[in-house]
Amino acid sequence: MSAARQRPSGSLDELERRLARETQIAQRQREKMLREVQRREAMREFDAVKRRRGLRYLALLGMLTFTAVLVTLVMFRVLSLVFA
């Protein structure tokens, strides 16, 4: 017979302890995976916020550049009319 079948009668406690230990290990692994998933989701949200903020600043810079060019052109037009 195999060694698993020749256990003494007190092996039930050992099996219960092993089962409890394996259950704890499995629970820790599940918690670790859950924390990892939550961390990845938080990073994804943070990256989305960074991307939106970057696009907003880029749009603002574009608008400011356009405004500066427009003001410069209007200034030159006004100056050419004044000194014409």
N, C-alpha and C. Protein backbone atom coordinates (compact mmCIF):
# COMPACT_ATOMS: atom_id res chain seq x y z
N MET A 1 0.83 -1.19 0.00
CA MET A 1 0.00 0.00 0.00
C MET A 1 0.87 1.25 0.00
N SER A 2 0.27 2.33 -0.44
CA SER A 2 1.03 3.57 -0.50
C SER A 2 1.15 4.19 0.88
N ALA A 3 2.04 5.15 0.99
CA ALA A 3 2.28 5.81 2.28
C ALA A 3 1.07 6.63 2.71
N ALA A 4 0.30 7.13 1.74
CA ALA A 4 -0.86 7.95 2.08
C ALA A 4 -1.93 7.12 2.77
N ARG A 5 -2.00 5.84 2.47
CA ARG A 5 -3.05 4.99 3.07
C ARG A 5 -2.61 4.39 4.40
N GLN A 6 -1.36 4.49 4.76
CA GLN A 6 -0.86 3.87 5.98
C GLN A 6 -0.65 4.91 7.09
N ARG A 7 -1.41 5.97 7.06
CA ARG A 7 -1.24 7.00 8.08
C ARG A 7 -1.84 6.55 9.39
N PRO A 8 -1.26 6.99 10.47
CA PRO A 8 -1.85 6.65 11.77
C PRO A 8 -3.16 7.42 11.98
N SER A 9 -3.89 7.04 13.00
CA SER A 9 -5.21 7.63 13.24
C SER A 9 -5.13 9.12 13.57
N GLY A 10 -4.02 9.60 14.07
CA GLY A 10 -3.86 11.01 14.40
C GLY A 10 -3.58 11.88 13.19
N SER A 11 -3.57 11.33 11.99
CA SER A 11 -3.23 12.10 10.79
C SER A 11 -4.35 13.04 10.37
N LEU A 12 -5.55 12.88 10.93
CA LEU A 12 -6.65 13.78 10.59
C LEU A 12 -6.31 15.22 11.01
N ASP A 13 -5.69 15.37 12.18
CA ASP A 13 -5.27 16.71 12.61
C ASP A 13 -4.24 17.30 11.65
N GLU A 14 -3.31 16.44 11.22
CA GLU A 14 -2.30 16.91 10.27
C GLU A 14 -2.95 17.34 8.96
N LEU A 15 -3.92 16.57 8.49
CA LEU A 15 -4.63 16.93 7.25
C LEU A 15 -5.38 18.26 7.42
N GLU A 16 -6.00 18.43 8.58
CA GLU A 16 -6.73 19.69 8.84
C GLU A 16 -5.77 20.87 8.86
N ARG A 17 -4.61 20.69 9.49
CA ARG A 17 -3.62 21.77 9.53
C ARG A 17 -3.10 22.09 8.13
N ARG A 18 -2.84 21.03 7.36
CA ARG A 18 -2.35 21.25 5.99
C ARG A 18 -3.42 21.95 5.15
N LEU A 19 -4.67 21.52 5.29
CA LEU A 19 -5.76 22.15 4.56
C LEU A 19 -5.90 23.62 4.96
N ALA A 20 -5.80 23.91 6.25
CA ALA A 20 -5.90 25.29 6.72
C ALA A 20 -4.74 26.12 6.16
N ARG A 21 -3.54 25.55 6.16
CA ARG A 21 -2.37 26.27 5.63
C ARG A 21 -2.53 26.54 4.13
N GLU A 22 -2.97 25.53 3.38
CA GLU A 22 -3.15 25.70 1.94
C GLU A 22 -4.27 26.69 1.65
N THR A 23 -5.30 26.68 2.48
CA THR A 23 -6.39 27.65 2.32
C THR A 23 -5.87 29.07 2.56
N GLN A 24 -5.06 29.24 3.58
CA GLN A 24 -4.48 30.56 3.85
C GLN A 24 -3.59 31.01 2.70
N ILE A 25 -2.79 30.10 2.18
CA ILE A 25 -1.91 30.44 1.06
C ILE A 25 -2.75 30.85 -0.15
N ALA A 26 -3.81 30.07 -0.44
CA ALA A 26 -4.67 30.40 -1.57
C ALA A 26 -5.35 31.75 -1.36
N GLN A 27 -5.78 32.02 -0.14
CA GLN A 27 -6.43 33.31 0.17
C GLN A 27 -5.45 34.46 -0.03
N ARG A 28 -4.21 34.29 0.43
CA ARG A 28 -3.19 35.33 0.23
C ARG A 28 -2.93 35.56 -1.24
N GLN A 29 -2.87 34.48 -2.02
CA GLN A 29 -2.64 34.63 -3.46
C GLN A 29 -3.80 35.37 -4.12
N ARG A 30 -5.03 35.04 -3.72
CA ARG A 30 -6.19 35.75 -4.27
C ARG A 30 -6.15 37.23 -3.92
N GLU A 31 -5.82 37.52 -2.65
CA GLU A 31 -5.72 38.93 -2.24
C GLU A 31 -4.62 39.66 -3.00
N LYS A 32 -3.52 38.98 -3.20
CA LYS A 32 -2.40 39.58 -3.94
C LYS A 32 -2.81 39.87 -5.38
N MET A 33 -3.50 38.91 -6.01
CA MET A 33 -3.96 39.13 -7.39
C MET A 33 -4.97 40.27 -7.45
N LEU A 34 -5.86 40.33 -6.46
CA LEU A 34 -6.85 41.40 -6.42
C LEU A 34 -6.17 42.76 -6.28
N ARG A 35 -5.18 42.86 -5.39
CA ARG A 35 -4.44 44.11 -5.23
C ARG A 35 -3.73 44.50 -6.53
N GLU A 36 -3.18 43.51 -7.22
CA GLU A 36 -2.49 43.78 -8.49
C GLU A 36 -3.47 44.30 -9.54
N VAL A 37 -4.65 43.69 -9.60
CA VAL A 37 -5.68 44.15 -10.55
C VAL A 37 -6.11 45.57 -10.20
N GLN A 38 -6.31 45.83 -8.92
CA GLN A 38 -6.71 47.18 -8.50
C GLN A 38 -5.60 48.19 -8.81
N ARG A 39 -4.35 47.80 -8.61
CA ARG A 39 -3.24 48.70 -8.90
C ARG A 39 -3.17 49.01 -10.40
N ARG A 40 -3.35 47.97 -11.22
CA ARG A 40 -3.33 48.19 -12.67
C ARG A 40 -4.47 49.11 -13.11
N GLU A 41 -5.65 48.91 -12.52
CA GLU A 41 -6.80 49.75 -12.87
C GLU A 41 -6.54 51.20 -12.45
N ALA A 42 -5.97 51.39 -11.27
CA ALA A 42 -5.64 52.75 -10.82
C ALA A 42 -4.61 53.40 -11.74
N MET A 43 -3.62 52.63 -12.16
CA MET A 43 -2.61 53.17 -13.08
C MET A 43 -3.23 53.54 -14.42
N ARG A 44 -4.18 52.71 -14.89
CA ARG A 44 -4.86 53.00 -16.15
C ARG A 44 -5.65 54.30 -16.05
N GLU A 45 -6.36 54.48 -14.93
CA GLU A 45 -7.12 55.72 -14.72
C GLU A 45 -6.18 56.91 -14.63
N PHE A 46 -5.06 56.75 -13.93
CA PHE A 46 -4.10 57.84 -13.79
C PHE A 46 -3.52 58.22 -15.16
N ASP A 47 -3.21 57.21 -15.98
CA ASP A 47 -2.69 57.48 -17.32
C ASP A 47 -3.72 58.21 -18.18
N ALA A 48 -4.99 57.84 -18.03
CA ALA A 48 -6.05 58.52 -18.79
C ALA A 48 -6.15 59.98 -18.37
N VAL A 49 -6.04 60.25 -17.07
CA VAL A 49 -6.09 61.64 -16.58
C VAL A 49 -4.89 62.41 -17.12
N LYS A 50 -3.70 61.79 -17.08
CA LYS A 50 -2.50 62.46 -17.60
C LYS A 50 -2.66 62.78 -19.09
N ARG A 51 -3.21 61.82 -19.84
CA ARG A 51 -3.39 62.02 -21.27
C ARG A 51 -4.36 63.17 -21.54
N ARG A 52 -5.49 63.20 -20.81
CA ARG A 52 -6.46 64.30 -20.99
C ARG A 52 -5.84 65.64 -20.63
N ARG A 53 -5.07 65.66 -19.54
CA ARG A 53 -4.43 66.90 -19.12
C ARG A 53 -3.43 67.37 -20.18
N GLY A 54 -2.66 66.44 -20.72
CA GLY A 54 -1.68 66.78 -21.75
C GLY A 54 -2.36 67.33 -22.99
N LEU A 55 -3.46 66.70 -23.41
CA LEU A 55 -4.20 67.19 -24.58
C LEU A 55 -4.79 68.57 -24.31
N ARG A 56 -5.24 68.79 -23.09
CA ARG A 56 -5.80 70.10 -22.74
C ARG A 56 -4.72 71.18 -22.84
N TYR A 57 -3.53 70.88 -22.30
CA TYR A 57 -2.44 71.86 -22.38
C TYR A 57 -1.99 72.09 -23.82
N LEU A 58 -1.99 71.04 -24.61
CA LEU A 58 -1.62 71.18 -26.01
C LEU A 58 -2.63 72.05 -26.75
N ALA A 59 -3.92 71.86 -26.48
CA ALA A 59 -4.95 72.70 -27.10
C ALA A 59 -4.80 74.15 -26.65
N LEU A 60 -4.52 74.35 -25.37
CA LEU A 60 -4.33 75.71 -24.86
C LEU A 60 -3.13 76.37 -25.53
N LEU A 61 -2.05 75.64 -25.68
CA LEU A 61 -0.87 76.18 -26.34
C LEU A 61 -1.18 76.54 -27.79
N GLY A 62 -1.93 75.70 -28.47
CA GLY A 62 -2.33 75.99 -29.85
C GLY A 62 -3.19 77.24 -29.94
N MET A 63 -4.11 77.38 -29.01
CA MET A 63 -4.97 78.57 -29.01
C MET A 63 -4.16 79.83 -28.73
N LEU A 64 -3.22 79.75 -27.80
CA LEU A 64 -2.39 80.92 -27.49
C LEU A 64 -1.51 81.29 -28.67
N THR A 65 -0.97 80.30 -29.35
CA THR A 65 -0.14 80.56 -30.53
C THR A 65 -0.98 81.22 -31.63
N PHE A 66 -2.16 80.68 -31.86
CA PHE A 66 -3.06 81.26 -32.87
C PHE A 66 -3.40 82.70 -32.53
N THR A 67 -3.70 82.95 -31.25
CA THR A 67 -4.04 84.31 -30.80
C THR A 67 -2.86 85.25 -31.00
N ALA A 68 -1.66 84.80 -30.67
CA ALA A 68 -0.47 85.64 -30.83
C ALA A 68 -0.25 85.99 -32.30
N VAL A 69 -0.41 85.01 -33.18
CA VAL A 69 -0.24 85.28 -34.62
C VAL A 69 -1.30 86.24 -35.10
N LEU A 70 -2.53 86.03 -34.68
CA LEU A 70 -3.63 86.91 -35.09
C LEU A 70 -3.41 88.34 -34.61
N VAL A 71 -3.01 88.51 -33.37
CA VAL A 71 -2.75 89.86 -32.83
C VAL A 71 -1.61 90.51 -33.59
N THR A 72 -0.58 89.76 -33.89
CA THR A 72 0.56 90.31 -34.64
C THR A 72 0.12 90.79 -36.02
N LEU A 73 -0.67 89.98 -36.71
CA LEU A 73 -1.16 90.38 -38.04
C LEU A 73 -2.04 91.62 -37.97
N VAL A 74 -2.92 91.68 -36.99
CA VAL A 74 -3.80 92.85 -36.83
C VAL A 74 -2.96 94.08 -36.51
N MET A 75 -1.93 93.91 -35.66
CA MET A 75 -1.06 95.03 -35.33
C MET A 75 -0.36 95.57 -36.58
N PHE A 76 0.18 94.68 -37.39
CA PHE A 76 0.85 95.14 -38.61
C PHE A 76 -0.13 95.81 -39.56
N ARG A 77 -1.36 95.31 -39.63
CA ARG A 77 -2.37 95.93 -40.51
C ARG A 77 -2.71 97.33 -40.01
N VAL A 78 -2.89 97.46 -38.70
CA VAL A 78 -3.22 98.77 -38.13
C VAL A 78 -2.04 99.74 -38.34
N LEU A 79 -0.83 99.28 -38.09
CA LEU A 79 0.34 100.14 -38.27
C LEU A 79 0.50 100.56 -39.74
N SER A 80 0.21 99.65 -40.65
CA SER A 80 0.33 100.02 -42.08
C SER A 80 -0.74 101.01 -42.47
N LEU A 81 -1.92 100.95 -41.83
CA LEU A 81 -2.95 101.95 -42.12
C LEU A 81 -2.61 103.29 -41.50
N VAL A 82 -2.00 103.26 -40.31
CA VAL A 82 -1.66 104.51 -39.62
C VAL A 82 -0.56 105.26 -40.38
N PHE A 83 0.45 104.51 -40.82
CA PHE A 83 1.59 105.15 -41.47
C PHE A 83 1.48 105.19 -43.00
N ALA A 84 0.32 104.88 -43.53
CA ALA A 84 0.16 104.91 -45.00
C ALA A 84 -0.04 106.30 -45.54
